[in-house]
Protein backbone atom coordinates (compact mmCIF):
# COMPACT_ATOMS: atom_id res chain seq x y z
CA MET A 1 -0.32 0.16 -0.37
CA ASP A 2 0.95 3.70 -0.92
CA ILE A 3 1.16 6.57 0.66
CA ASP A 4 -1.72 8.19 -1.48
CA GLN A 5 -3.79 4.06 -0.53
CA ARG A 6 -2.65 4.96 3.36
CA LEU A 7 -3.86 8.31 3.09
CA ASP A 8 -7.45 7.78 1.05
CA LEU A 9 -8.34 5.03 3.87
CA ILE A 10 -7.58 7.08 6.36
CA ALA A 11 -9.76 9.85 5.44
CA ALA A 12 -12.14 7.32 4.97
CA LEU A 13 -12.14 5.61 7.68
CA ASN A 14 -12.64 9.35 9.06
CA ARG A 15 -16.24 9.37 7.00
CA LEU A 16 -17.68 6.79 9.28
CA SER A 17 -19.23 7.87 12.78
CA PRO A 18 -17.29 7.19 16.31
CA ARG A 19 -19.16 4.19 16.75
CA GLN A 20 -19.18 2.69 12.82
CA ARG A 21 -15.34 2.97 13.91
CA LYS A 22 -14.38 2.38 17.34
CA VAL A 23 -16.40 -0.86 16.29
CA LEU A 24 -15.17 -2.17 13.03
CA LEU A 25 -11.20 -1.71 13.99
CA LEU A 26 -12.18 -3.82 16.79
CA TRP A 27 -13.96 -6.74 15.15
CA ALA A 28 -10.95 -7.22 12.33
CA ALA A 29 -8.64 -6.86 15.38
CA GLY A 30 -10.35 -10.45 15.87
CA TYR A 31 -13.14 -9.48 18.88
CA THR A 32 -15.93 -11.35 18.50
CA HIS A 33 -19.88 -9.62 17.69
CA LYS A 34 -20.90 -10.99 21.26
CA GLU A 35 -17.31 -9.63 22.69
CA ILE A 36 -17.88 -5.76 21.12
CA ALA A 37 -21.91 -6.67 21.70
CA LYS A 38 -20.70 -7.06 25.84
CA GLU A 39 -18.42 -3.85 25.94
CA TYR A 40 -21.03 -1.62 24.60
CA ARG A 41 -23.97 -2.26 25.63
CA LEU A 42 -25.42 -3.38 22.29
CA THR A 43 -27.07 -7.28 20.58
CA ARG A 44 -24.74 -9.91 18.74
CA ARG A 45 -27.17 -8.61 15.79
CA ARG A 46 -26.87 -5.01 15.57
CA ILE A 47 -22.42 -4.97 15.77
CA GLY A 48 -23.89 -6.90 12.85
CA GLN A 49 -25.26 -4.38 12.09
CA ILE A 50 -22.75 -1.43 12.42
CA CYS A 51 -19.84 -3.59 10.87
CA ALA A 52 -22.07 -4.16 7.74
CA GLU A 53 -22.81 -0.20 7.38
CA ALA A 54 -19.26 0.48 8.16
CA ILE A 55 -17.98 -1.72 5.32
CA SER A 56 -20.64 -0.69 2.87
CA LEU A 57 -19.67 2.88 3.24
CA LEU A 58 -16.18 2.27 2.84
CA GLY A 59 -16.59 0.74 -0.07
CA GLU A 60 -19.18 2.81 -1.31
CA LEU A 61 -15.78 4.66 -0.97
CA PHE A 62 -13.78 3.24 -2.97
CA HIS A 63 -15.84 2.11 -5.39
CA VAL A 64 -15.88 -1.93 -4.65
């Protein structure tokens, strides 16, 4: 990944809401939906929705 791609990624991550960013980063780091849900006092289903929304937004930004 070159520097321009990294800057694009940072810009894309900054377009996510703080909650989307935190949840997505925890999920990417290997935490389960159950573990994240417990930390944020949400349901596993809601964590899945947040991840899906964040991934969809990132995909739109990168035209994937």
